[in-house]
Amino acid sequence: MFGIGGGELIFIIFIALMLFGSDKIPVIARNLGKGMAQLKNATNEIKSEITKSAEANGIDTSMKDLTNVFNSEIDSVKGSLNANISNPLDKIKEDIDDLTGPIKRQM
């Protein structure tokens, strides 16, 4: 559970008991549960609204198509970054080779 071991979980429970007391822990847990449920409902509502508006506007929202579009955009950005970075790096490499050439010859 979230990468937390048994000992760590017991320690967290112990600290919570010390901070809030045994009478308030059930109330806090209930409120956290309600908050998580409200958050889940809100995200589901947002997702359904986005899907409805996309369908109303004739937008195909299949994840496979979106993934392909994003992957092609990422590949094009990677290509342009590689081109923009490799030229200055090649220049720096040449400058370093020019500087270290006489030093290498002396040794």
PDB file of N, CA and C in Angstrom:
ATOM      1  N   MET A   1       0.846  -1.175   0.000  1.00  0.00           N
ATOM      2  CA  MET A   1       0.000   0.000   0.000  1.00  0.00           C
ATOM      3  C   MET A   1       0.891   1.237   0.000  1.00  0.00           C
ATOM      4  N   PHE A   2       1.042   1.887  -1.127  1.00  0.00           N
ATOM      5  CA  PHE A   2       1.802   3.130  -1.271  1.00  0.00           C
ATOM      6  C   PHE A   2       3.257   2.971  -0.851  1.00  0.00           C
ATOM      7  N   GLY A   3       3.782   1.754  -0.849  1.00  0.00           N
ATOM      8  CA  GLY A   3       5.171   1.548  -0.473  1.00  0.00           C
ATOM      9  C   GLY A   3       5.412   1.693   1.016  1.00  0.00           C
ATOM     10  N   ILE A   4       4.373   1.555   1.815  1.00  0.00           N
ATOM     11  CA  ILE A   4       4.500   1.688   3.268  1.00  0.00           C
ATOM     12  C   ILE A   4       4.457   0.289   3.869  1.00  0.00           C
ATOM     13  N   GLY A   5       5.452  -0.040   4.679  1.00  0.00           N
ATOM     14  CA  GLY A   5       5.504  -1.334   5.333  1.00  0.00           C
ATOM     15  C   GLY A   5       4.627  -1.370   6.576  1.00  0.00           C
ATOM     16  N   GLY A   6       4.553  -2.554   7.191  1.00  0.00           N
ATOM     17  CA  GLY A   6       3.718  -2.736   8.372  1.00  0.00           C
ATOM     18  C   GLY A   6       4.180  -1.889   9.546  1.00  0.00           C
ATOM     19  N   GLY A   7       5.495  -1.869   9.786  1.00  0.00           N
ATOM     20  CA  GLY A   7       6.015  -1.073  10.895  1.00  0.00           C
ATOM     21  C   GLY A   7       5.768   0.407  10.706  1.00  0.00           C
ATOM     22  N   GLU A   8       5.934   0.873   9.480  1.00  0.00           N
ATOM     23  CA  GLU A   8       5.697   2.286   9.191  1.00  0.00           C
ATOM     24  C   GLU A   8       4.224   2.645   9.380  1.00  0.00           C
ATOM     25  N   LEU A   9       3.337   1.728   8.963  1.00  0.00           N
ATOM     26  CA  LEU A   9       1.905   1.971   9.119  1.00  0.00           C
ATOM     27  C   LEU A   9       1.528   2.040  10.598  1.00  0.00           C
ATOM     28  N   ILE A  10       2.077   1.148  11.399  1.00  0.00           N
ATOM     29  CA  ILE A  10       1.806   1.173  12.836  1.00  0.00           C
ATOM     30  C   ILE A  10       2.324   2.473  13.447  1.00  0.00           C
ATOM     31  N   PHE A  11       3.499   2.922  13.017  1.00  0.00           N
ATOM     32  CA  PHE A  11       4.049   4.178  13.525  1.00  0.00           C
ATOM     33  C   PHE A  11       3.156   5.364  13.166  1.00  0.00           C
ATOM     34  N   ILE A  12       2.641   5.388  11.937  1.00  0.00           N
ATOM     35  CA  ILE A  12       1.750   6.476  11.502  1.00  0.00           C
ATOM     36  C   ILE A  12       0.464   6.455  12.323  1.00  0.00           C
ATOM     37  N   ILE A  13      -0.078   5.267  12.562  1.00  0.00           N
ATOM     38  CA  ILE A  13      -1.301   5.157  13.369  1.00  0.00           C
ATOM     39  C   ILE A  13      -1.032   5.642  14.796  1.00  0.00           C
ATOM     40  N   PHE A  14       0.124   5.271  15.341  1.00  0.00           N
ATOM     41  CA  PHE A  14       0.484   5.698  16.690  1.00  0.00           C
ATOM     42  C   PHE A  14       0.576   7.223  16.772  1.00  0.00           C
ATOM     43  N   ILE A  15       1.227   7.842  15.794  1.00  0.00           N
ATOM     44  CA  ILE A  15       1.347   9.308  15.775  1.00  0.00           C
ATOM     45  C   ILE A  15      -0.029   9.954  15.647  1.00  0.00           C
ATOM     46  N   ALA A  16      -0.905   9.380  14.790  1.00  0.00           N
ATOM     47  CA  ALA A  16      -2.255   9.934  14.634  1.00  0.00           C
ATOM     48  C   ALA A  16      -3.022   9.838  15.946  1.00  0.00           C
ATOM     49  N   LEU A  17      -2.872   8.720  16.647  1.00  0.00           N
ATOM     50  CA  LEU A  17      -3.544   8.586  17.940  1.00  0.00           C
ATOM     51  C   LEU A  17      -3.034   9.614  18.943  1.00  0.00           C
ATOM     52  N   MET A  18      -1.724   9.851  18.921  1.00  0.00           N
ATOM     53  CA  MET A  18      -1.148  10.825  19.848  1.00  0.00           C
ATOM     54  C   MET A  18      -1.625  12.244  19.528  1.00  0.00           C
ATOM     55  N   LEU A  19      -1.717  12.571  18.236  1.00  0.00           N
ATOM     56  CA  LEU A  19      -2.105  13.926  17.844  1.00  0.00           C
ATOM     57  C   LEU A  19      -3.589  14.203  18.053  1.00  0.00           C
ATOM     58  N   PHE A  20      -4.446  13.263  17.641  1.00  0.00           N
ATOM     59  CA  PHE A  20      -5.875  13.544  17.597  1.00  0.00           C
ATOM     60  C   PHE A  20      -6.675  12.853  18.699  1.00  0.00           C
ATOM     61  N   GLY A  21      -6.165  11.805  19.272  1.00  0.00           N
ATOM     62  CA  GLY A  21      -6.905  11.079  20.295  1.00  0.00           C
ATOM     63  C   GLY A  21      -7.788  10.020  19.672  1.00  0.00           C
ATOM     64  N   SER A  22      -8.094   8.998  20.451  1.00  0.00           N
ATOM     65  CA  SER A  22      -8.848   7.859  19.922  1.00  0.00           C
ATOM     66  C   SER A  22     -10.299   8.201  19.600  1.00  0.00           C
ATOM     67  N   ASP A  23     -10.854   9.219  20.218  1.00  0.00           N
ATOM     68  CA  ASP A  23     -12.246   9.568  19.954  1.00  0.00           C
ATOM     69  C   ASP A  23     -12.426  10.327  18.642  1.00  0.00           C
ATOM     70  N   LYS A  24     -11.391  11.001  18.148  1.00  0.00           N
ATOM     71  CA  LYS A  24     -11.525  11.789  16.912  1.00  0.00           C
ATOM     72  C   LYS A  24     -11.075  11.029  15.665  1.00  0.00           C
ATOM     73  N   ILE A  25     -10.344   9.927  15.812  1.00  0.00           N
ATOM     74  CA  ILE A  25      -9.844   9.176  14.656  1.00  0.00           C
ATOM     75  C   ILE A  25     -10.982   8.682  13.760  1.00  0.00           C
ATOM     76  N   PRO A  26     -12.071   8.090  14.290  1.00  0.00           N
ATOM     77  CA  PRO A  26     -13.161   7.652  13.401  1.00  0.00           C
ATOM     78  C   PRO A  26     -13.808   8.808  12.634  1.00  0.00           C
ATOM     79  N   VAL A  27     -13.928   9.953  13.282  1.00  0.00           N
ATOM     80  CA  VAL A  27     -14.520  11.119  12.614  1.00  0.00           C
ATOM     81  C   VAL A  27     -13.606  11.590  11.480  1.00  0.00           C
ATOM     82  N   ILE A  28     -12.307  11.622  11.744  1.00  0.00           N
ATOM     83  CA  ILE A  28     -11.349  12.043  10.723  1.00  0.00           C
ATOM     84  C   ILE A  28     -11.361  11.066   9.556  1.00  0.00           C
ATOM     85  N   ALA A  29     -11.380   9.756   9.860  1.00  0.00           N
ATOM     86  CA  ALA A  29     -11.404   8.747   8.803  1.00  0.00           C
ATOM     87  C   ALA A  29     -12.673   8.853   7.960  1.00  0.00           C
ATOM     88  N   ARG A  30     -13.812   9.091   8.613  1.00  0.00           N
ATOM     89  CA  ARG A  30     -15.074   9.237   7.891  1.00  0.00           C
ATOM     90  C   ARG A  30     -15.031  10.458   6.975  1.00  0.00           C
ATOM     91  N   ASN A  31     -14.512  11.568   7.482  1.00  0.00           N
ATOM     92  CA  ASN A  31     -14.414  12.781   6.672  1.00  0.00           C
ATOM     93  C   ASN A  31     -13.451  12.590   5.497  1.00  0.00           C
ATOM     94  N   LEU A  32     -12.336  11.892   5.735  1.00  0.00           N
ATOM     95  CA  LEU A  32     -11.410  11.604   4.632  1.00  0.00           C
ATOM     96  C   LEU A  32     -12.073  10.735   3.572  1.00  0.00           C
ATOM     97  N   GLY A  33     -12.839   9.739   4.005  1.00  0.00           N
ATOM     98  CA  GLY A  33     -13.560   8.880   3.061  1.00  0.00           C
ATOM     99  C   GLY A  33     -14.561   9.657   2.230  1.00  0.00           C
ATOM    100  N   LYS A  34     -15.302  10.552   2.888  1.00  0.00           N
ATOM    101  CA  LYS A  34     -16.268  11.388   2.169  1.00  0.00           C
ATOM    102  C   LYS A  34     -15.563  12.304   1.172  1.00  0.00           C
ATOM    103  N   GLY A  35     -14.439  12.873   1.597  1.00  0.00           N
ATOM    104  CA  GLY A  35     -13.685  13.753   0.705  1.00  0.00           C
ATOM    105  C   GLY A  35     -13.156  13.019  -0.517  1.00  0.00           C
ATOM    106  N   MET A  36     -12.640  11.810  -0.297  1.00  0.00           N
ATOM    107  CA  MET A  36     -12.134  11.018  -1.426  1.00  0.00           C
ATOM    108  C   MET A  36     -13.269  10.646  -2.378  1.00  0.00           C
ATOM    109  N   ALA A  37     -14.442  10.302  -1.826  1.00  0.00           N
ATOM    110  CA  ALA A  37     -15.595   9.971  -2.669  1.00  0.00           C
ATOM    111  C   ALA A  37     -16.035  11.185  -3.482  1.00  0.00           C
ATOM    112  N   GLN A  38     -16.053  12.359  -2.863  1.00  0.00           N
ATOM    113  CA  GLN A  38     -16.436  13.577  -3.584  1.00  0.00           C
ATOM    114  C   GLN A  38     -15.439  13.898  -4.684  1.00  0.00           C
ATOM    115  N   LEU A  39     -14.156  13.706  -4.402  1.00  0.00           N
ATOM    116  CA  LEU A  39     -13.130  13.947  -5.408  1.00  0.00           C
ATOM    117  C   LEU A  39     -13.278  12.989  -6.585  1.00  0.00           C
ATOM    118  N   LYS A  40     -13.536  11.723  -6.289  1.00  0.00           N
ATOM    119  CA  LYS A  40     -13.730  10.734  -7.350  1.00  0.00           C
ATOM    120  C   LYS A  40     -14.952  11.078  -8.190  1.00  0.00           C
ATOM    121  N   ASN A  41     -16.056  11.448  -7.541  1.00  0.00           N
ATOM    122  CA  ASN A  41     -17.268  11.831  -8.277  1.00  0.00           C
ATOM    123  C   ASN A  41     -17.027  13.058  -9.146  1.00  0.00           C
ATOM    124  N   ALA A  42     -16.290  14.033  -8.620  1.00  0.00           N
ATOM    125  CA  ALA A  42     -16.020  15.248  -9.387  1.00  0.00           C
ATOM    126  C   ALA A  42     -15.177  14.940 -10.616  1.00  0.00           C
ATOM    127  N   THR A  43     -14.157  14.097 -10.462  1.00  0.00           N
ATOM    128  CA  THR A  43     -13.327  13.766 -11.625  1.00  0.00           C
ATOM    129  C   THR A  43     -14.113  12.961 -12.655  1.00  0.00           C
ATOM    130  N   ASN A  44     -14.998  12.076 -12.189  1.00  0.00           N
ATOM    131  CA  ASN A  44     -15.833  11.327 -13.133  1.00  0.00           C
ATOM    132  C   ASN A  44     -16.793  12.250 -13.871  1.00  0.00           C
ATOM    133  N   GLU A  45     -17.342  13.241 -13.172  1.00  0.00           N
ATOM    134  CA  GLU A  45     -18.234  14.205 -13.820  1.00  0.00           C
ATOM    135  C   GLU A  45     -17.487  15.033 -14.856  1.00  0.00           C
ATOM    136  N   ILE A  46     -16.296  15.467 -14.522  1.00  0.00           N
ATOM    137  CA  ILE A  46     -15.494  16.249 -15.471  1.00  0.00           C
ATOM    138  C   ILE A  46     -15.167  15.409 -16.693  1.00  0.00           C
ATOM    139  N   LYS A  47     -14.786  14.163 -16.455  1.00  0.00           N
ATOM    140  CA  LYS A  47     -14.457  13.280 -17.575  1.00  0.00           C
ATOM    141  C   LYS A  47     -15.660  13.057 -18.485  1.00  0.00           C
ATOM    142  N   SER A  48     -16.830  12.853 -17.885  1.00  0.00           N
ATOM    143  CA  SER A  48     -18.027  12.641 -18.699  1.00  0.00           C
ATOM    144  C   SER A  48     -18.415  13.904 -19.452  1.00  0.00           C
ATOM    145  N   GLU A  49     -18.245  15.071 -18.847  1.00  0.00           N
ATOM    146  CA  GLU A  49     -18.548  16.331 -19.536  1.00  0.00           C
ATOM    147  C   GLU A  49     -17.611  16.541 -20.724  1.00  0.00           C
ATOM    148  N   ILE A  50     -16.358  16.236 -20.537  1.00  0.00           N
ATOM    149  CA  ILE A  50     -15.399  16.378 -21.635  1.00  0.00           C
ATOM    150  C   ILE A  50     -15.754  15.432 -22.766  1.00  0.00           C
ATOM    151  N   THR A  51     -16.111  14.193 -22.416  1.00  0.00           N
ATOM    152  CA  THR A  51     -16.484  13.209 -23.430  1.00  0.00           C
ATOM    153  C   THR A  51     -17.745  13.647 -24.172  1.00  0.00           C
ATOM    154  N   LYS A  52     -18.737  14.145 -23.432  1.00  0.00           N
ATOM    155  CA  LYS A  52     -19.982  14.594 -24.059  1.00  0.00           C
ATOM    156  C   LYS A  52     -19.728  15.762 -25.003  1.00  0.00           C
ATOM    157  N   SER A  53     -18.936  16.729 -24.568  1.00  0.00           N
ATOM    158  CA  SER A  53     -18.684  17.887 -25.427  1.00  0.00           C
ATOM    159  C   SER A  53     -17.856  17.490 -26.640  1.00  0.00           C
ATOM    160  N   ALA A  54     -16.945  16.545 -26.481  1.00  0.00           N
ATOM    161  CA  ALA A  54     -16.157  16.091 -27.623  1.00  0.00           C
ATOM    162  C   ALA A  54     -17.036  15.362 -28.626  1.00  0.00           C
ATOM    163  N   GLU A  55     -17.952  14.523 -28.133  1.00  0.00           N
ATOM    164  CA  GLU A  55     -18.862  13.823 -29.039  1.00  0.00           C
ATOM    165  C   GLU A  55     -19.810  14.801 -29.714  1.00  0.00           C
ATOM    166  N   ALA A  56     -20.253  15.829 -28.990  1.00  0.00           N
ATOM    167  CA  ALA A  56     -21.158  16.821 -29.572  1.00  0.00           C
ATOM    168  C   ALA A  56     -20.470  17.614 -30.675  1.00  0.00           C
ATOM    169  N   ASN A  57     -19.172  17.830 -30.549  1.00  0.00           N
ATOM    170  CA  ASN A  57     -18.428  18.574 -31.557  1.00  0.00           C
ATOM    171  C   ASN A  57     -17.823  17.674 -32.626  1.00  0.00           C
ATOM    172  N   GLY A  58     -18.096  16.379 -32.550  1.00  0.00           N
ATOM    173  CA  GLY A  58     -17.612  15.452 -33.561  1.00  0.00           C
ATOM    174  C   GLY A  58     -16.141  15.113 -33.438  1.00  0.00           C
ATOM    175  N   ILE A  59     -15.610  15.221 -32.251  1.00  0.00           N
ATOM    176  CA  ILE A  59     -14.198  14.912 -32.039  1.00  0.00           C
ATOM    177  C   ILE A  59     -14.100  13.456 -31.609  1.00  0.00           C
ATOM    178  N   ASP A  60     -13.233  12.714 -32.295  1.00  0.00           N
ATOM    179  CA  ASP A  60     -13.003  11.326 -31.927  1.00  0.00           C
ATOM    180  C   ASP A  60     -11.985  11.301 -30.798  1.00  0.00           C
ATOM    181  N   THR A  61     -12.384  10.760 -29.655  1.00  0.00           N
ATOM    182  CA  THR A  61     -11.514  10.803 -28.485  1.00  0.00           C
ATOM    183  C   THR A  61     -10.968   9.432 -28.112  1.00  0.00           C
ATOM    184  N   SER A  62     -10.789   8.571 -29.096  1.00  0.00           N
ATOM    185  CA  SER A  62     -10.241   7.266 -28.730  1.00  0.00           C
ATOM    186  C   SER A  62      -8.810   7.448 -28.246  1.00  0.00           C
ATOM    187  N   MET A  63      -8.466   6.735 -27.217  1.00  0.00           N
ATOM    188  CA  MET A  63      -7.154   6.876 -26.591  1.00  0.00           C
ATOM    189  C   MET A  63      -6.035   6.462 -27.544  1.00  0.00           C
ATOM    190  N   LYS A  64      -6.285   5.499 -28.400  1.00  0.00           N
ATOM    191  CA  LYS A  64      -5.256   5.056 -29.330  1.00  0.00           C
ATOM    192  C   LYS A  64      -4.887   6.188 -30.288  1.00  0.00           C
ATOM    193  N   ASP A  65      -5.896   6.892 -30.795  1.00  0.00           N
ATOM    194  CA  ASP A  65      -5.625   8.003 -31.695  1.00  0.00           C
ATOM    195  C   ASP A  65      -4.883   9.129 -30.975  1.00  0.00           C
ATOM    196  N   LEU A  66      -5.317   9.439 -29.756  1.00  0.00           N
ATOM    197  CA  LEU A  66      -4.646  10.489 -28.989  1.00  0.00           C
ATOM    198  C   LEU A  66      -3.210  10.106 -28.675  1.00  0.00           C
ATOM    199  N   THR A  67      -2.990   8.837 -28.348  1.00  0.00           N
ATOM    200  CA  THR A  67      -1.645   8.374 -28.053  1.00  0.00           C
ATOM    201  C   THR A  67      -0.758   8.499 -29.282  1.00  0.00           C
ATOM    202  N   ASN A  68      -1.281   8.148 -30.445  1.00  0.00           N
ATOM    203  CA  ASN A  68      -0.502   8.279 -31.679  1.00  0.00           C
ATOM    204  C   ASN A  68      -0.156   9.731 -31.976  1.00  0.00           C
ATOM    205  N   VAL A  69      -1.115  10.629 -31.757  1.00  0.00           N
ATOM    206  CA  VAL A  69      -0.866  12.048 -31.994  1.00  0.00           C
ATOM    207  C   VAL A  69       0.207  12.564 -31.034  1.00  0.00           C
ATOM    208  N   PHE A  70       0.064  12.227 -29.763  1.00  0.00           N
ATOM    209  CA  PHE A  70       1.048  12.682 -28.777  1.00  0.00           C
ATOM    210  C   PHE A  70       2.430  12.106 -29.058  1.00  0.00           C
ATOM    211  N   ASN A  71       2.484  10.830 -29.430  1.00  0.00           N
ATOM    212  CA  ASN A  71       3.783  10.216 -29.716  1.00  0.00           C
ATOM    213  C   ASN A  71       4.456  10.863 -30.915  1.00  0.00           C
ATOM    214  N   SER A  72       3.677  11.188 -31.948  1.00  0.00           N
ATOM    215  CA  SER A  72       4.280  11.830 -33.114  1.00  0.00           C
ATOM    216  C   SER A  72       4.763  13.237 -32.768  1.00  0.00           C
ATOM    217  N   GLU A  73       4.005  13.952 -31.948  1.00  0.00           N
ATOM    218  CA  GLU A  73       4.440  15.281 -31.512  1.00  0.00           C
ATOM    219  C   GLU A  73       5.703  15.199 -30.670  1.00  0.00           C
ATOM    220  N   ILE A  74       5.754  14.221 -29.781  1.00  0.00           N
ATOM    221  CA  ILE A  74       6.931  14.046 -28.933  1.00  0.00           C
ATOM    222  C   ILE A  74       8.142  13.707 -29.786  1.00  0.00           C
ATOM    223  N   ASP A  75       7.965  12.844 -30.779  1.00  0.00           N
ATOM    224  CA  ASP A  75       9.078  12.487 -31.661  1.00  0.00           C
ATOM    225  C   ASP A  75       9.582  13.689 -32.443  1.00  0.00           C
ATOM    226  N   SER A  76       8.669  14.535 -32.908  1.00  0.00           N
ATOM    227  CA  SER A  76       9.109  15.711 -33.662  1.00  0.00           C
ATOM    228  C   SER A  76       9.851  16.696 -32.756  1.00  0.00           C
ATOM    229  N   VAL A  77       9.386  16.850 -31.528  1.00  0.00           N
ATOM    230  CA  VAL A  77      10.070  17.734 -30.585  1.00  0.00           C
ATOM    231  C   VAL A  77      11.449  17.174 -30.247  1.00  0.00           C
ATOM    232  N   LYS A  78      11.534  15.851 -30.049  1.00  0.00           N
ATOM    233  CA  LYS A  78      12.834  15.232 -29.769  1.00  0.00           C
ATOM    234  C   LYS A  78      13.803  15.465 -30.922  1.00  0.00           C
ATOM    235  N   GLY A  79      13.305  15.308 -32.153  1.00  0.00           N
ATOM    236  CA  GLY A  79      14.168  15.508 -33.313  1.00  0.00           C
ATOM    237  C   GLY A  79      14.686  16.926 -33.400  1.00  0.00           C
ATOM    238  N   SER A  80      13.806  17.890 -33.169  1.00  0.00           N
ATOM    239  CA  SER A  80      14.251  19.279 -33.246  1.00  0.00           C
ATOM    240  C   SER A  80      15.200  19.618 -32.098  1.00  0.00           C
ATOM    241  N   LEU A  81      14.963  19.049 -30.914  1.00  0.00           N
ATOM    242  CA  LEU A  81      15.876  19.283 -29.801  1.00  0.00           C
ATOM    243  C   LEU A  81      17.244  18.676 -30.082  1.00  0.00           C
ATOM    244  N   ASN A  82      17.255  17.470 -30.626  1.00  0.00           N
ATOM    245  CA  ASN A  82      18.533  16.836 -30.952  1.00  0.00           C
ATOM    246  C   ASN A  82      19.306  17.653 -31.979  1.00  0.00           C
ATOM    247  N   ALA A  83      18.598  18.172 -32.969  1.00  0.00           N
ATOM    248  CA  ALA A  83      19.264  18.976 -33.987  1.00  0.00           C
ATOM    249  C   ALA A  83      19.793  20.276 -33.388  1.00  0.00           C
ATOM    250  N   ASN A  84      19.010  20.904 -32.529  1.00  0.00           N
ATOM    251  CA  ASN A  84      19.424  22.169 -31.919  1.00  0.00           C
ATOM    252  C   ASN A  84      20.553  21.994 -30.921  1.00  0.00           C
ATOM    253  N   ILE A  85      20.601  20.856 -30.261  1.00  0.00           N
ATOM    254  CA  ILE A  85      21.625  20.635 -29.244  1.00  0.00           C
ATOM    255  C   ILE A  85      22.905  20.077 -29.848  1.00  0.00           C
ATOM    256  N   SER A  86      22.776  19.229 -30.870  1.00  0.00           N
ATOM    257  CA  SER A  86      23.972  18.564 -31.399  1.00  0.00           C
ATOM    258  C   SER A  86      24.928  19.546 -32.078  1.00  0.00           C
ATOM    259  N   ASN A  87      24.429  20.576 -32.741  1.00  0.00           N
ATOM    260  CA  ASN A  87      25.328  21.530 -33.397  1.00  0.00           C
ATOM    261  C   ASN A  87      26.219  22.277 -32.404  1.00  0.00           C
ATOM    262  N   PRO A  88      25.675  22.871 -31.366  1.00  0.00           N
ATOM    263  CA  PRO A  88      26.552  23.532 -30.391  1.00  0.00           C
ATOM    264  C   PRO A  88      27.481  22.547 -29.671  1.00  0.00           C
ATOM    265  N   LEU A  89      26.987  21.336 -29.408  1.00  0.00           N
ATOM    266  CA  LEU A  89      27.837  20.351 -28.744  1.00  0.00           C
ATOM    267  C   LEU A  89      29.008  19.938 -29.637  1.00  0.00           C
ATOM    268  N   ASP A  90      28.744  19.796 -30.931  1.00  0.00           N
ATOM    269  CA  ASP A  90      29.840  19.478 -31.854  1.00  0.00           C
ATOM    270  C   ASP A  90      30.864  20.600 -31.880  1.00  0.00           C
ATOM    271  N   LYS A  91      30.389  21.846 -31.859  1.00  0.00           N
ATOM    272  CA  LYS A  91      31.295  22.998 -31.856  1.00  0.00           C
ATOM    273  C   LYS A  91      32.139  23.003 -30.585  1.00  0.00           C
ATOM    274  N   ILE A  92      31.501  22.731 -29.433  1.00  0.00           N
ATOM    275  CA  ILE A  92      32.236  22.688 -28.167  1.00  0.00           C
ATOM    276  C   ILE A  92      33.264  21.566 -28.186  1.00  0.00           C
ATOM    277  N   LYS A  93      32.900  20.417 -28.736  1.00  0.00           N
ATOM    278  CA  LYS A  93      33.833  19.291 -28.823  1.00  0.00           C
ATOM    279  C   LYS A  93      35.043  19.659 -29.678  1.00  0.00           C
ATOM    280  N   GLU A  94      34.787  20.325 -30.795  1.00  0.00           N
ATOM    281  CA  GLU A  94      35.896  20.753 -31.661  1.00  0.00           C
ATOM    282  C   GLU A  94      36.800  21.748 -30.935  1.00  0.00           C
ATOM    283  N   ASP A  95      36.192  22.686 -30.204  1.00  0.00           N
ATOM    284  CA  ASP A  95      36.987  23.666 -29.460  1.00  0.00           C
ATOM    285  C   ASP A  95      37.846  22.985 -28.399  1.00  0.00           C
ATOM    286  N   ILE A  96      37.274  22.016 -27.705  1.00  0.00           N
ATOM    287  CA  ILE A  96      38.048  21.293 -26.688  1.00  0.00           C
ATOM    288  C   ILE A  96      39.166  20.498 -27.333  1.00  0.00           C
ATOM    289  N   ASP A  97      38.886  19.870 -28.465  1.00  0.00           N
ATOM    290  CA  ASP A  97      39.938  19.129 -29.176  1.00  0.00           C
ATOM    291  C   ASP A  97      41.049  20.069 -29.641  1.00  0.00           C
ATOM    292  N   ASP A  98      40.682  21.276 -30.096  1.00  0.00           N
ATOM    293  CA  ASP A  98      41.690  22.248 -30.510  1.00  0.00           C
ATOM    294  C   ASP A  98      42.555  22.681 -29.330  1.00  0.00           C
ATOM    295  N   LEU A  99      41.931  22.858 -28.161  1.00  0.00           N
ATOM    296  CA  LEU A  99      42.676  23.271 -26.984  1.00  0.00           C
ATOM    297  C   LEU A  99      43.560  22.169 -26.428  1.00  0.00           C
ATOM    298  N   THR A 100      43.054  20.936 -26.450  1.00  0.00           N
ATOM    299  CA  THR A 100      43.811  19.841 -25.851  1.00  0.00           C
ATOM    300  C   THR A 100      44.782  19.193 -26.810  1.00  0.00           C
ATOM    301  N   GLY A 101      44.683  19.524 -28.090  1.00  0.00           N
ATOM    302  CA  GLY A 101      45.603  18.939 -29.077  1.00  0.00           C
ATOM    303  C   GLY A 101      47.058  19.191 -28.753  1.00  0.00           C
ATOM    304  N   PRO A 102      47.481  20.439 -28.525  1.00  0.00           N
ATOM    305  CA  PRO A 102      48.883  20.688 -28.203  1.00  0.00           C
ATOM    306  C   PRO A 102      49.298  20.051 -26.874  1.00  0.00           C
ATOM    307  N   ILE A 103      48.400  19.965 -25.929  1.00  0.00           N
ATOM    308  CA  ILE A 103      48.731  19.360 -24.638  1.00  0.00           C
ATOM    309  C   ILE A 103      48.965  17.876 -24.817  1.00  0.00           C
ATOM    310  N   LYS A 104      48.145  17.215 -25.629  1.00  0.00           N
ATOM    311  CA  LYS A 104      48.311  15.791 -25.866  1.00  0.00           C
ATOM    312  C   LYS A 104      49.627  15.513 -26.577  1.00  0.00           C
ATOM    313  N   ARG A 105      49.999  16.375 -27.509  1.00  0.00           N
ATOM    314  CA  ARG A 105      51.244  16.167 -28.266  1.00  0.00           C
ATOM    315  C   ARG A 105      52.471  16.325 -27.387  1.00  0.00           C
ATOM    316  N   GLN A 106      52.393  17.189 -26.367  1.00  0.00           N
ATOM    317  CA  GLN A 106      53.542  17.389 -25.507  1.00  0.00           C
ATOM    318  C   GLN A 106      53.758  16.201 -24.571  1.00  0.00           C
ATOM    319  N   MET A 107      52.756  15.494 -24.232  1.00  0.00           N
ATOM    320  CA  MET A 107      52.892  14.374 -23.303  1.00  0.00           C
ATOM    321  C   MET A 107      53.308  13.191 -24.063  1.00  0.00           C
TER     322      MET A 107
END
